[in-house]
Structure formats: structure tokens, C-alpha cells
Amino acid sequence: MLKTKICDILNIEYPILQGGMAWVSDAALASAVSEAGGLGIIAAGNAPSDWVETEIKKAKDMTDKPFGVNIMLLSPYVDDVVDVVLKYEVKVVTTGAGNPGKYMDGFKSINAKVIPVIPSVALAKRMEDIGADAVIAEGMESGGHIGELTTMAMVPQVVDALNIPVIAAGGIADGRGLAAALALGACGVQMGTRFVASSECTIVQGYKEAIVKAKDRDTVVTGKVTGHPVRIIKNKLAREFMKLEANGATKEELEKFGEGKLKLAARDGDLQKGSIMAGQIAGLIDDIKPVKNIVETIVEEAKSTIQKMNNLIEG
């Protein structure tokens, strides 16, 4: 068995959460992860509440196991999305880009577990103080919007600072990464990029293939001057974005240039002018396969890695 405290809290078989990725994490992917024994998560992103409601309904039809919704707190629809989550009594809520404090009473009223994504010890402490059930410590190795600290450096510091469980994210795509996260004191992991390259993920095939083809240095960080840096796979968009930054483009100009680019890649299929968000761990991913196989492989590899570590210590 590979069971930790977070499995009991979330009522899942394995300590593996699927990242809430805008335009990627829909009911199909979330339900597949939940069915495989992890926790699938629907990403609300900037989507209107009716889309979120539809995906929640789909997920409830596709699985009777727990799943979550990731709420992007800067979304213009956030209040309506929260209302939908409360209406359907979603049992796990992860949050990003803000403080969920004003919504905590509502989440607690439906007995939802609230797990904010955090980039630092200070914010992790704040989330514990407002009643979070756990936190996801996400390092800058991850795809999409990132912070400044690495997973390896941040996770043990967050673990030492909190009394609630910590889930590690960023740079994790196999069982060795899960075992390493547990060694750092985390109770589980959240993975995004690995689940993008899955059969059940409904984005365009070319996006998945770009991840499979990526090498260890094929991601870059754009948008640093905006205060909201984003890790993506190198392409024409990345080169143009970095050129604009180098030439002193304003924050407003850069934000306008980047607007809608994730959907352009993930759903419309423009892999040159669209934003292919992926983590540094993409270089480790060399196939596209069913979610069930991904989860089973990770669990077995984690068990094997932990056993090897025990043998090394005993030897």
C-alpha cells in the first residue's frame, strides 16, 4: 500500500492529485484520474460558471469517486463559480492566484476540503491560519504560472512551518518524484504535465506530442516583468514574447500579447502562436498513455524506489 494522511482526508486510494490546468483539466481528465485512484480536478480558470457547472455534472456521471474543482481567484466569474461549487457540494476545492478567505465559510458549510496552491512559506502559513485543510507547495519547475522557489527547496521548509499536510508540485512526473516528495515530508504530489500527455486529456494531439518531444531545456519562462511569469515550451510565441520583453514592452502590452494564447494552443491547435504550458519535467515524458496506466506505473515505481532506499540504508 502507498497510503498517506492525504488519502484519508480526501478519501482517495493514492496520494496523487491532478493539477487544475485551465483549458486542459475538464471532466474527462478529472474523472479518469479519480477512477484510477487519485484525485481528478476540474480547472475553472477564467471560464464562466455555466461551463464549470456542465463539467461538474459530467464528472458526476463519469465517476462516483471524489474529484475537485480548482478556482482561480482572479477570475471575473469567481463568485459565480464558488456558488456552483457550493450548489453541487464539490468535496475538494483547490485555489490559486489569491486568498480564498472570504469563501471559507461557504466551503466549510458543505464539508469541502480546501487546499490552496502556494509559492512560499509565508503564504502557506497564512492559508493554515484561515483554515485550509492542506496546501499544495508548487515549485517553479512547474508549467504555467510559477513562483520563484524550487520544489526541492520549498517543500521541506513549508512542511516544517505547518501543522497541516503539504502536497508537493512542480517537476514531478514519475514514481521517483513521488518517493522524493514523501522523503521531503510531503503527504502526496500534484502533477500536471504528466497527465496532459494522457489518452483521456481532450486537448489537441499536437500539444501532447510537443510535451513528448520536449527535452530537458525546452521550456522557458516568459512574462517576468509582468509579475506573473509563465513557463512554456519554446516556440514562435515564446521567442516573440521574449523579444518584446527585451525591447522594453510595458506590462499592459505584454499581457495583451499573451491574452488567449493557451486556448489557441490547447483547443485551437496553433502550436506556434499559442502557449504550450508545460513543466521542466516534460523532458522525462516520452509517451501518451491512459491515465490508469500512468497512475499504476507511478505507484509501483514509487514503492520500488522506497524499497531501494531502504535496502541502501540497511546495506
C-alpha atoms as a PDB file:
ATOM      1  CA  MET A   1       0.000   0.000   0.000  1.00  0.00           C
ATOM      2  CA  LEU A   2       1.119   3.554  -0.744  1.00  0.00           C
ATOM      3  CA  LYS A   3      -1.225   5.443   1.522  1.00  0.00           C
ATOM      4  CA  THR A   4      -0.660   8.703   3.401  1.00  0.00           C
ATOM      5  CA  LYS A   5      -2.676  11.094   5.527  1.00  0.00           C
ATOM      6  CA  ILE A   6      -3.900  12.969   2.455  1.00  0.00           C
ATOM      7  CA  CYS A   7      -5.516   9.764   1.170  1.00  0.00           C
ATOM      8  CA  ASP A   8      -7.659   9.597   4.292  1.00  0.00           C
ATOM      9  CA  ILE A   9      -8.504  13.305   4.185  1.00  0.00           C
ATOM     10  CA  LEU A  10      -9.587  13.215   0.532  1.00  0.00           C
ATOM     11  CA  ASN A  11     -10.901   9.633   0.501  1.00  0.00           C
ATOM     12  CA  ILE A  12      -8.618   8.585  -2.354  1.00  0.00           C
ATOM     13  CA  GLU A  13      -6.547   5.452  -2.906  1.00  0.00           C
ATOM     14  CA  TYR A  14      -3.214   7.024  -3.859  1.00  0.00           C
ATOM     15  CA  PRO A  15      -1.601  10.332  -2.813  1.00  0.00           C
ATOM     16  CA  ILE A  16      -1.694  11.714  -6.344  1.00  0.00           C
ATOM     17  CA  LEU A  17      -3.590  14.839  -7.385  1.00  0.00           C
ATOM     18  CA  GLN A  18      -4.031  16.016 -10.960  1.00  0.00           C
ATOM     19  CA  GLY A  19      -3.242  19.679 -11.472  1.00  0.00           C
ATOM     20  CA  GLY A  20      -6.011  22.150 -12.254  1.00  0.00           C
ATOM     21  CA  MET A  21      -4.913  23.397 -15.678  1.00  0.00           C
ATOM     22  CA  ALA A  22      -7.075  25.955 -17.484  1.00  0.00           C
ATOM     23  CA  TRP A  23      -8.358  24.804 -20.899  1.00  0.00           C
ATOM     24  CA  VAL A  24      -6.956  21.322 -20.132  1.00  0.00           C
ATOM     25  CA  SER A  25      -8.439  19.904 -16.922  1.00  0.00           C
ATOM     26  CA  ASP A  26     -12.044  19.094 -17.787  1.00  0.00           C
ATOM     27  CA  ALA A  27     -14.455  16.399 -16.625  1.00  0.00           C
ATOM     28  CA  ALA A  28     -12.968  13.751 -18.905  1.00  0.00           C
ATOM     29  CA  LEU A  29      -9.469  14.065 -17.489  1.00  0.00           C
ATOM     30  CA  ALA A  30     -10.566  14.631 -13.892  1.00  0.00           C
ATOM     31  CA  SER A  31     -12.888  11.637 -13.797  1.00  0.00           C
ATOM     32  CA  ALA A  32     -10.210   9.394 -15.337  1.00  0.00           C
ATOM     33  CA  VAL A  33      -7.713  10.349 -12.619  1.00  0.00           C
ATOM     34  CA  SER A  34     -10.293   9.822  -9.882  1.00  0.00           C
ATOM     35  CA  GLU A  35     -11.256   6.440 -11.335  1.00  0.00           C
ATOM     36  CA  ALA A  36      -7.565   5.483 -11.325  1.00  0.00           C
ATOM     37  CA  GLY A  37      -7.343   6.128  -7.585  1.00  0.00           C
ATOM     38  CA  GLY A  38      -6.032   9.683  -7.496  1.00  0.00           C
ATOM     39  CA  LEU A  39      -7.884  12.975  -7.235  1.00  0.00           C
ATOM     40  CA  GLY A  40      -9.007  14.486 -10.513  1.00  0.00           C
ATOM     41  CA  ILE A  41      -9.520  18.236 -10.615  1.00  0.00           C
ATOM     42  CA  ILE A  42     -11.630  20.363 -12.972  1.00  0.00           C
ATOM     43  CA  ALA A  43      -9.990  23.718 -13.671  1.00  0.00           C
ATOM     44  CA  ALA A  44     -12.377  26.666 -13.648  1.00  0.00           C
ATOM     45  CA  GLY A  45      -9.715  29.076 -14.902  1.00  0.00           C
ATOM     46  CA  ASN A  46     -11.401  32.126 -16.382  1.00  0.00           C
ATOM     47  CA  ALA A  47     -14.364  30.084 -17.611  1.00  0.00           C
ATOM     48  CA  PRO A  48     -17.911  31.252 -16.834  1.00  0.00           C
ATOM     49  CA  SER A  49     -19.849  29.376 -14.183  1.00  0.00           C
ATOM     50  CA  ASP A  50     -22.149  27.599 -16.648  1.00  0.00           C
ATOM     51  CA  TRP A  51     -19.131  25.823 -18.177  1.00  0.00           C
ATOM     52  CA  VAL A  52     -17.941  24.782 -14.720  1.00  0.00           C
ATOM     53  CA  GLU A  53     -21.432  23.556 -13.858  1.00  0.00           C
ATOM     54  CA  THR A  54     -21.582  21.461 -17.027  1.00  0.00           C
ATOM     55  CA  GLU A  55     -18.202  19.872 -16.292  1.00  0.00           C
ATOM     56  CA  ILE A  56     -19.170  19.075 -12.702  1.00  0.00           C
ATOM     57  CA  LYS A  57     -22.339  17.369 -13.939  1.00  0.00           C
ATOM     58  CA  LYS A  58     -20.317  15.370 -16.477  1.00  0.00           C
ATOM     59  CA  ALA A  59     -17.802  14.309 -13.850  1.00  0.00           C
ATOM     60  CA  LYS A  60     -20.570  13.146 -11.505  1.00  0.00           C
ATOM     61  CA  ASP A  61     -21.927  10.994 -14.339  1.00  0.00           C
ATOM     62  CA  MET A  62     -18.473   9.603 -15.175  1.00  0.00           C
ATOM     63  CA  THR A  63     -17.297   8.692 -11.675  1.00  0.00           C
ATOM     64  CA  ASP A  64     -18.694   8.144  -8.206  1.00  0.00           C
ATOM     65  CA  LYS A  65     -15.294   8.821  -6.677  1.00  0.00           C
ATOM     66  CA  PRO A  66     -14.162  12.152  -5.206  1.00  0.00           C
ATOM     67  CA  PHE A  67     -12.989  14.902  -7.539  1.00  0.00           C
ATOM     68  CA  GLY A  68     -12.200  18.551  -7.051  1.00  0.00           C
ATOM     69  CA  VAL A  69     -12.520  21.949  -8.682  1.00  0.00           C
ATOM     70  CA  ASN A  70      -9.660  24.410  -8.973  1.00  0.00           C
ATOM     71  CA  ILE A  71     -10.829  28.005  -8.572  1.00  0.00           C
ATOM     72  CA  MET A  72      -8.720  30.815  -9.980  1.00  0.00           C
ATOM     73  CA  LEU A  73      -9.472  33.616  -7.544  1.00  0.00           C
ATOM     74  CA  LEU A  74      -8.651  36.397 -10.039  1.00  0.00           C
ATOM     75  CA  SER A  75     -11.308  35.144 -12.452  1.00  0.00           C
ATOM     76  CA  PRO A  76     -14.053  37.686 -13.234  1.00  0.00           C
ATOM     77  CA  TYR A  77     -16.529  34.850 -12.623  1.00  0.00           C
ATOM     78  CA  VAL A  78     -15.111  33.676  -9.295  1.00  0.00           C
ATOM     79  CA  ASP A  79     -18.195  34.452  -7.180  1.00  0.00           C
ATOM     80  CA  ASP A  80     -20.476  32.589  -9.575  1.00  0.00           C
ATOM     81  CA  VAL A  81     -18.065  29.658  -9.790  1.00  0.00           C
ATOM     82  CA  VAL A  82     -17.985  29.407  -5.997  1.00  0.00           C
ATOM     83  CA  ASP A  83     -21.797  29.350  -5.980  1.00  0.00           C
ATOM     84  CA  VAL A  84     -21.765  26.421  -8.423  1.00  0.00           C
ATOM     85  CA  VAL A  85     -19.236  24.529  -6.296  1.00  0.00           C
ATOM     86  CA  LEU A  86     -21.451  25.035  -3.251  1.00  0.00           C
ATOM     87  CA  LYS A  87     -24.598  24.057  -5.172  1.00  0.00           C
ATOM     88  CA  TYR A  88     -23.129  20.708  -6.220  1.00  0.00           C
ATOM     89  CA  GLU A  89     -21.295  20.191  -2.927  1.00  0.00           C
ATOM     90  CA  VAL A  90     -17.926  19.510  -4.538  1.00  0.00           C
ATOM     91  CA  LYS A  91     -15.859  17.862  -1.824  1.00  0.00           C
ATOM     92  CA  VAL A  92     -12.411  19.230  -2.689  1.00  0.00           C
ATOM     93  CA  VAL A  93     -11.507  22.776  -3.723  1.00  0.00           C
ATOM     94  CA  THR A  94      -8.027  23.881  -4.729  1.00  0.00           C
ATOM     95  CA  THR A  95      -7.377  27.582  -5.225  1.00  0.00           C
ATOM     96  CA  GLY A  96      -4.803  29.757  -6.921  1.00  0.00           C
ATOM     97  CA  ALA A  97      -3.938  33.407  -7.546  1.00  0.00           C
ATOM     98  CA  GLY A  98      -5.300  34.879  -4.360  1.00  0.00           C
ATOM     99  CA  ASN A  99      -6.652  34.363  -0.869  1.00  0.00           C
ATOM    100  CA  PRO A 100      -9.783  32.171  -0.525  1.00  0.00           C
ATOM    101  CA  GLY A 101     -10.553  33.548   2.950  1.00  0.00           C
ATOM    102  CA  LYS A 102     -13.849  35.229   2.035  1.00  0.00           C
ATOM    103  CA  TYR A 103     -15.202  31.910   0.715  1.00  0.00           C
ATOM    104  CA  MET A 104     -14.019  29.618   3.514  1.00  0.00           C
ATOM    105  CA  ASP A 105     -17.280  29.649   5.496  1.00  0.00           C
ATOM    106  CA  GLY A 106     -19.165  28.579   2.396  1.00  0.00           C
ATOM    107  CA  PHE A 107     -16.745  25.761   1.620  1.00  0.00           C
ATOM    108  CA  LYS A 108     -16.868  24.550   5.215  1.00  0.00           C
ATOM    109  CA  SER A 109     -20.680  24.582   5.114  1.00  0.00           C
ATOM    110  CA  ILE A 110     -20.586  21.744   2.550  1.00  0.00           C
ATOM    111  CA  ASN A 111     -17.676  19.990   4.296  1.00  0.00           C
ATOM    112  CA  ALA A 112     -15.364  20.649   1.367  1.00  0.00           C
ATOM    113  CA  LYS A 113     -11.627  20.243   1.858  1.00  0.00           C
ATOM    114  CA  VAL A 114      -9.848  23.465   0.852  1.00  0.00           C
ATOM    115  CA  ILE A 115      -6.298  23.172  -0.494  1.00  0.00           C
ATOM    116  CA  PRO A 116      -4.681  26.400  -1.770  1.00  0.00           C
ATOM    117  CA  VAL A 117      -1.714  26.323  -4.148  1.00  0.00           C
ATOM    118  CA  ILE A 118       1.111  28.344  -2.596  1.00  0.00           C
ATOM    119  CA  PRO A 119       4.592  29.513  -3.749  1.00  0.00           C
ATOM    120  CA  SER A 120       6.151  30.403  -0.394  1.00  0.00           C
ATOM    121  CA  VAL A 121       6.289  29.642   3.323  1.00  0.00           C
ATOM    122  CA  ALA A 122       4.685  32.971   4.239  1.00  0.00           C
ATOM    123  CA  LEU A 123       1.606  32.342   2.115  1.00  0.00           C
ATOM    124  CA  ALA A 124       1.406  28.752   3.333  1.00  0.00           C
ATOM    125  CA  LYS A 125       1.238  29.971   6.938  1.00  0.00           C
ATOM    126  CA  ARG A 126      -1.494  32.440   6.016  1.00  0.00           C
ATOM    127  CA  MET A 127      -3.544  29.662   4.409  1.00  0.00           C
ATOM    128  CA  GLU A 128      -3.224  27.490   7.506  1.00  0.00           C
ATOM    129  CA  ASP A 129      -4.360  30.421   9.646  1.00  0.00           C
ATOM    130  CA  ILE A 130      -7.580  30.886   7.640  1.00  0.00           C
ATOM    131  CA  GLY A 131      -8.489  27.201   7.925  1.00  0.00           C
ATOM    132  CA  ALA A 132      -7.026  25.433   4.878  1.00  0.00           C
ATOM    133  CA  ASP A 133      -7.046  21.643   5.189  1.00  0.00           C
ATOM    134  CA  ALA A 134      -3.738  21.261   3.327  1.00  0.00           C
ATOM    135  CA  VAL A 135      -1.583  23.239   0.901  1.00  0.00           C
ATOM    136  CA  ILE A 136      -0.006  22.482  -2.456  1.00  0.00           C
ATOM    137  CA  ALA A 137       3.585  23.766  -2.458  1.00  0.00           C
ATOM    138  CA  GLU A 138       4.278  24.347  -6.137  1.00  0.00           C
ATOM    139  CA  GLY A 139       7.844  24.956  -7.266  1.00  0.00           C
ATOM    140  CA  MET A 140       8.971  26.988 -10.256  1.00  0.00           C
ATOM    141  CA  GLU A 141       9.733  23.820 -12.240  1.00  0.00           C
ATOM    142  CA  SER A 142       6.023  23.533 -12.995  1.00  0.00           C
ATOM    143  CA  GLY A 143       4.278  24.609 -16.178  1.00  0.00           C
ATOM    144  CA  GLY A 144       2.081  27.683 -16.426  1.00  0.00           C
ATOM    145  CA  HIS A 145       2.205  30.431 -13.797  1.00  0.00           C
ATOM    146  CA  ILE A 146       5.123  29.957 -11.430  1.00  0.00           C
ATOM    147  CA  GLY A 147       6.771  31.400  -8.333  1.00  0.00           C
ATOM    148  CA  GLU A 148      10.471  31.851  -7.537  1.00  0.00           C
ATOM    149  CA  LEU A 149      11.317  28.860  -5.328  1.00  0.00           C
ATOM    150  CA  THR A 150      12.161  25.347  -6.471  1.00  0.00           C
ATOM    151  CA  THR A 151      10.166  22.370  -5.265  1.00  0.00           C
ATOM    152  CA  MET A 152      13.198  20.777  -3.610  1.00  0.00           C
ATOM    153  CA  ALA A 153      13.972  23.909  -1.596  1.00  0.00           C
ATOM    154  CA  MET A 154      10.429  24.975  -0.742  1.00  0.00           C
ATOM    155  CA  VAL A 155       8.642  21.751   0.230  1.00  0.00           C
ATOM    156  CA  PRO A 156      10.672  20.861   3.351  1.00  0.00           C
ATOM    157  CA  GLN A 157      10.520  24.471   4.549  1.00  0.00           C
ATOM    158  CA  VAL A 158       6.733  24.508   4.180  1.00  0.00           C
ATOM    159  CA  VAL A 159       6.483  21.101   5.868  1.00  0.00           C
ATOM    160  CA  ASP A 160       8.484  22.388   8.836  1.00  0.00           C
ATOM    161  CA  ALA A 161       6.383  25.549   9.105  1.00  0.00           C
ATOM    162  CA  LEU A 162       2.904  23.976   9.072  1.00  0.00           C
ATOM    163  CA  ASN A 163       0.805  21.530  11.047  1.00  0.00           C
ATOM    164  CA  ILE A 164      -1.466  20.678   8.105  1.00  0.00           C
ATOM    165  CA  PRO A 165      -0.474  18.298   5.257  1.00  0.00           C
ATOM    166  CA  VAL A 166       1.684  19.530   2.392  1.00  0.00           C
ATOM    167  CA  ILE A 167       1.356  18.303  -1.185  1.00  0.00           C
ATOM    168  CA  ALA A 168       4.393  18.780  -3.443  1.00  0.00           C
ATOM    169  CA  ALA A 169       4.056  20.018  -7.029  1.00  0.00           C
ATOM    170  CA  GLY A 170       6.430  21.049  -9.790  1.00  0.00           C
ATOM    171  CA  GLY A 171       8.926  18.774 -11.516  1.00  0.00           C
ATOM    172  CA  ILE A 172       7.170  15.517 -10.657  1.00  0.00           C
ATOM    173  CA  ALA A 173       6.100  13.002 -13.291  1.00  0.00           C
ATOM    174  CA  ASP A 174       7.076   9.535 -12.105  1.00  0.00           C
ATOM    175  CA  GLY A 175       7.354   7.316  -9.057  1.00  0.00           C
ATOM    176  CA  ARG A 176      10.821   8.568  -8.205  1.00  0.00           C
ATOM    177  CA  GLY A 177       9.395  12.080  -7.923  1.00  0.00           C
ATOM    178  CA  LEU A 178       6.602  10.839  -5.670  1.00  0.00           C
ATOM    179  CA  ALA A 179       9.093   8.997  -3.448  1.00  0.00           C
ATOM    180  CA  ALA A 180      11.303  12.103  -3.301  1.00  0.00           C
ATOM    181  CA  ALA A 181       8.341  14.275  -2.295  1.00  0.00           C
ATOM    182  CA  LEU A 182       7.480  11.859   0.512  1.00  0.00           C
ATOM    183  CA  ALA A 183      11.111  11.931   1.638  1.00  0.00           C
ATOM    184  CA  LEU A 184      10.883  15.725   1.865  1.00  0.00           C
ATOM    185  CA  GLY A 185       7.926  15.386   4.215  1.00  0.00           C
ATOM    186  CA  ALA A 186       5.071  15.889   1.769  1.00  0.00           C
ATOM    187  CA  CYS A 187       1.957  13.712   2.065  1.00  0.00           C
ATOM    188  CA  GLY A 188       1.462  13.471  -1.670  1.00  0.00           C
ATOM    189  CA  VAL A 189       2.040  15.094  -5.043  1.00  0.00           C
ATOM    190  CA  GLN A 190       0.177  17.115  -7.629  1.00  0.00           C
ATOM    191  CA  MET A 191       1.095  16.522 -11.264  1.00  0.00           C
ATOM    192  CA  GLY A 192       0.016  18.442 -14.323  1.00  0.00           C
ATOM    193  CA  THR A 193       2.282  17.893 -17.317  1.00  0.00           C
ATOM    194  CA  ARG A 194       2.301  14.093 -16.968  1.00  0.00           C
ATOM    195  CA  PHE A 195      -1.494  13.982 -17.127  1.00  0.00           C
ATOM    196  CA  VAL A 196      -1.613  16.302 -20.134  1.00  0.00           C
ATOM    197  CA  ALA A 197       0.180  13.550 -22.052  1.00  0.00           C
ATOM    198  CA  SER A 198      -2.624  11.061 -21.478  1.00  0.00           C
ATOM    199  CA  SER A 199      -5.218   9.432 -23.701  1.00  0.00           C
ATOM    200  CA  GLU A 200      -8.137  10.919 -21.776  1.00  0.00           C
ATOM    201  CA  CYS A 201      -6.895  14.506 -21.981  1.00  0.00           C
ATOM    202  CA  THR A 202      -9.135  16.190 -24.563  1.00  0.00           C
ATOM    203  CA  ILE A 203      -6.786  18.901 -25.868  1.00  0.00           C
ATOM    204  CA  VAL A 204      -5.338  18.701 -29.387  1.00  0.00           C
ATOM    205  CA  GLN A 205      -2.945  15.830 -30.030  1.00  0.00           C
ATOM    206  CA  GLY A 206      -0.173  18.161 -31.176  1.00  0.00           C
ATOM    207  CA  TYR A 207       0.040  19.769 -27.730  1.00  0.00           C
ATOM    208  CA  LYS A 208       0.582  16.350 -26.149  1.00  0.00           C
ATOM    209  CA  GLU A 209       3.175  15.452 -28.790  1.00  0.00           C
ATOM    210  CA  ALA A 210       5.045  18.685 -28.093  1.00  0.00           C
ATOM    211  CA  ILE A 211       5.451  17.523 -24.477  1.00  0.00           C
ATOM    212  CA  VAL A 212       6.666  14.095 -25.564  1.00  0.00           C
ATOM    213  CA  LYS A 213       9.198  15.660 -27.946  1.00  0.00           C
ATOM    214  CA  ALA A 214      10.461  18.196 -25.398  1.00  0.00           C
ATOM    215  CA  LYS A 215      13.950  17.832 -23.916  1.00  0.00           C
ATOM    216  CA  ASP A 216      15.236  18.980 -20.552  1.00  0.00           C
ATOM    217  CA  ARG A 217      15.942  22.592 -21.660  1.00  0.00           C
ATOM    218  CA  ASP A 218      12.990  23.098 -23.987  1.00  0.00           C
ATOM    219  CA  THR A 219      10.883  25.215 -21.612  1.00  0.00           C
ATOM    220  CA  VAL A 220      11.391  28.917 -20.985  1.00  0.00           C
ATOM    221  CA  VAL A 221       9.889  31.426 -18.573  1.00  0.00           C
ATOM    222  CA  THR A 222       8.087  34.400 -20.107  1.00  0.00           C
ATOM    223  CA  GLY A 223       6.360  37.403 -18.577  1.00  0.00           C
ATOM    224  CA  LYS A 224       8.747  38.029 -15.688  1.00  0.00           C
ATOM    225  CA  VAL A 225       8.312  41.788 -15.927  1.00  0.00           C
ATOM    226  CA  THR A 226       4.540  41.468 -15.596  1.00  0.00           C
ATOM    227  CA  GLY A 227       4.897  39.908 -12.158  1.00  0.00           C
ATOM    228  CA  HIS A 228       3.117  36.773 -13.412  1.00  0.00           C
ATOM    229  CA  PRO A 229       5.822  34.640 -15.065  1.00  0.00           C
ATOM    230  CA  VAL A 230       4.717  31.647 -17.116  1.00  0.00           C
ATOM    231  CA  ARG A 231       6.675  28.539 -18.110  1.00  0.00           C
ATOM    232  CA  ILE A 232       6.016  27.327 -21.645  1.00  0.00           C
ATOM    233  CA  ILE A 233       7.659  25.178 -24.311  1.00  0.00           C
ATOM    234  CA  LYS A 234       9.827  27.128 -26.748  1.00  0.00           C
ATOM    235  CA  ASN A 235       8.052  28.115 -29.972  1.00  0.00           C
ATOM    236  CA  LYS A 236       7.397  31.194 -32.095  1.00  0.00           C
ATOM    237  CA  LEU A 237       5.200  32.755 -29.394  1.00  0.00           C
ATOM    238  CA  ALA A 238       7.928  32.323 -26.763  1.00  0.00           C
ATOM    239  CA  ARG A 239      10.537  33.933 -28.997  1.00  0.00           C
ATOM    240  CA  GLU A 240       8.278  36.882 -29.827  1.00  0.00           C
ATOM    241  CA  PHE A 241       7.316  37.335 -26.179  1.00  0.00           C
ATOM    242  CA  MET A 242      10.931  37.367 -25.017  1.00  0.00           C
ATOM    243  CA  LYS A 243      11.843  39.811 -27.797  1.00  0.00           C
ATOM    244  CA  LEU A 244       9.097  42.181 -26.633  1.00  0.00           C
ATOM    245  CA  GLU A 245      10.369  41.899 -23.058  1.00  0.00           C
ATOM    246  CA  ALA A 246      13.944  42.600 -24.126  1.00  0.00           C
ATOM    247  CA  ASN A 247      12.802  45.672 -26.056  1.00  0.00           C
ATOM    248  CA  GLY A 248      11.091  47.146 -23.011  1.00  0.00           C
ATOM    249  CA  ALA A 249       7.424  46.431 -23.733  1.00  0.00           C
ATOM    250  CA  THR A 250       5.091  47.559 -20.953  1.00  0.00           C
ATOM    251  CA  LYS A 251       3.270  45.194 -18.643  1.00  0.00           C
ATOM    252  CA  GLU A 252      -0.006  46.089 -20.369  1.00  0.00           C
ATOM    253  CA  GLU A 253       1.431  45.384 -23.815  1.00  0.00           C
ATOM    254  CA  LEU A 254       2.784  42.010 -22.728  1.00  0.00           C
ATOM    255  CA  GLU A 255      -0.461  40.982 -21.047  1.00  0.00           C
ATOM    256  CA  LYS A 256      -2.434  41.898 -24.146  1.00  0.00           C
ATOM    257  CA  PHE A 257       0.007  39.968 -26.335  1.00  0.00           C
ATOM    258  CA  GLY A 258      -0.364  36.853 -24.155  1.00  0.00           C
ATOM    259  CA  GLU A 259      -4.149  37.015 -23.857  1.00  0.00           C
ATOM    260  CA  GLY A 260      -5.932  33.893 -25.100  1.00  0.00           C
ATOM    261  CA  LYS A 261      -2.751  32.128 -26.152  1.00  0.00           C
ATOM    262  CA  LEU A 262      -3.258  28.997 -24.023  1.00  0.00           C
ATOM    263  CA  LYS A 263      -6.623  28.255 -25.606  1.00  0.00           C
ATOM    264  CA  LEU A 264      -5.077  28.965 -29.009  1.00  0.00           C
ATOM    265  CA  ALA A 265      -2.637  26.108 -28.458  1.00  0.00           C
ATOM    266  CA  ALA A 266      -4.624  23.650 -26.349  1.00  0.00           C
ATOM    267  CA  ARG A 267      -8.001  23.838 -28.051  1.00  0.00           C
ATOM    268  CA  ASP A 268      -7.458  25.583 -31.402  1.00  0.00           C
ATOM    269  CA  GLY A 269      -4.260  23.715 -32.229  1.00  0.00           C
ATOM    270  CA  ASP A 270      -1.937  26.589 -33.154  1.00  0.00           C
ATOM    271  CA  LEU A 271       1.288  25.254 -31.662  1.00  0.00           C
ATOM    272  CA  GLN A 272       3.474  28.090 -32.918  1.00  0.00           C
ATOM    273  CA  LYS A 273       1.476  31.157 -31.948  1.00  0.00           C
ATOM    274  CA  GLY A 274      -0.206  29.521 -28.950  1.00  0.00           C
ATOM    275  CA  SER A 275       1.135  28.991 -25.435  1.00  0.00           C
ATOM    276  CA  ILE A 276       2.194  25.387 -24.741  1.00  0.00           C
ATOM    277  CA  MET A 277       2.359  25.433 -20.958  1.00  0.00           C
ATOM    278  CA  ALA A 278       4.425  22.556 -19.586  1.00  0.00           C
ATOM    279  CA  GLY A 279       6.845  21.914 -16.749  1.00  0.00           C
ATOM    280  CA  GLN A 280      10.558  21.214 -16.917  1.00  0.00           C
ATOM    281  CA  ILE A 281       9.758  17.564 -16.294  1.00  0.00           C
ATOM    282  CA  ALA A 282       8.400  17.334 -19.869  1.00  0.00           C
ATOM    283  CA  GLY A 283      11.837  16.067 -20.871  1.00  0.00           C
ATOM    284  CA  LEU A 284      11.153  12.925 -18.822  1.00  0.00           C
ATOM    285  CA  ILE A 285       7.840  12.148 -20.539  1.00  0.00           C
ATOM    286  CA  ASP A 286       8.192  10.012 -23.655  1.00  0.00           C
ATOM    287  CA  ASP A 287       4.730   8.605 -24.253  1.00  0.00           C
ATOM    288  CA  ILE A 288       0.998   9.272 -24.273  1.00  0.00           C
ATOM    289  CA  LYS A 289      -0.961   6.586 -22.462  1.00  0.00           C
ATOM    290  CA  PRO A 290      -4.153   6.005 -20.455  1.00  0.00           C
ATOM    291  CA  VAL A 291      -4.411   7.684 -17.077  1.00  0.00           C
ATOM    292  CA  LYS A 292      -4.880   4.337 -15.332  1.00  0.00           C
ATOM    293  CA  ASN A 293      -1.532   3.144 -16.684  1.00  0.00           C
ATOM    294  CA  ILE A 294       0.144   6.396 -15.661  1.00  0.00           C
ATOM    295  CA  VAL A 295      -1.089   6.142 -12.074  1.00  0.00           C
ATOM    296  CA  GLU A 296      -0.309   2.441 -11.740  1.00  0.00           C
ATOM    297  CA  THR A 297       3.204   2.905 -13.101  1.00  0.00           C
ATOM    298  CA  ILE A 298       3.912   5.826 -10.764  1.00  0.00           C
ATOM    299  CA  VAL A 299       2.666   3.933  -7.716  1.00  0.00           C
ATOM    300  CA  GLU A 300       4.680   0.814  -8.477  1.00  0.00           C
ATOM    301  CA  GLU A 301       7.812   2.828  -9.235  1.00  0.00           C
ATOM    302  CA  ALA A 302       7.408   4.809  -6.010  1.00  0.00           C
ATOM    303  CA  LYS A 303       7.123   1.589  -3.994  1.00  0.00           C
ATOM    304  CA  SER A 304      10.188   0.171  -5.745  1.00  0.00           C
ATOM    305  CA  THR A 305      12.166   3.370  -5.157  1.00  0.00           C
ATOM    306  CA  ILE A 306      11.291   3.441  -1.473  1.00  0.00           C
ATOM    307  CA  GLN A 307      12.343  -0.214  -1.148  1.00  0.00           C
ATOM    308  CA  LYS A 308      15.648   0.518  -2.864  1.00  0.00           C
ATOM    309  CA  MET A 309      16.234   3.400  -0.481  1.00  0.00           C
ATOM    310  CA  ASN A 310      15.529   1.121   2.490  1.00  0.00           C
ATOM    311  CA  ASN A 311      17.902  -1.517   1.109  1.00  0.00           C
ATOM    312  CA  LEU A 312      20.603   1.107   0.586  1.00  0.00           C
ATOM    313  CA  ILE A 313      20.274   2.292   4.169  1.00  0.00           C
ATOM    314  CA  GLU A 314      20.215  -1.236   5.568  1.00  0.00           C
ATOM    315  CA  GLY A 315      23.167  -2.243   3.374  1.00  0.00           C
END
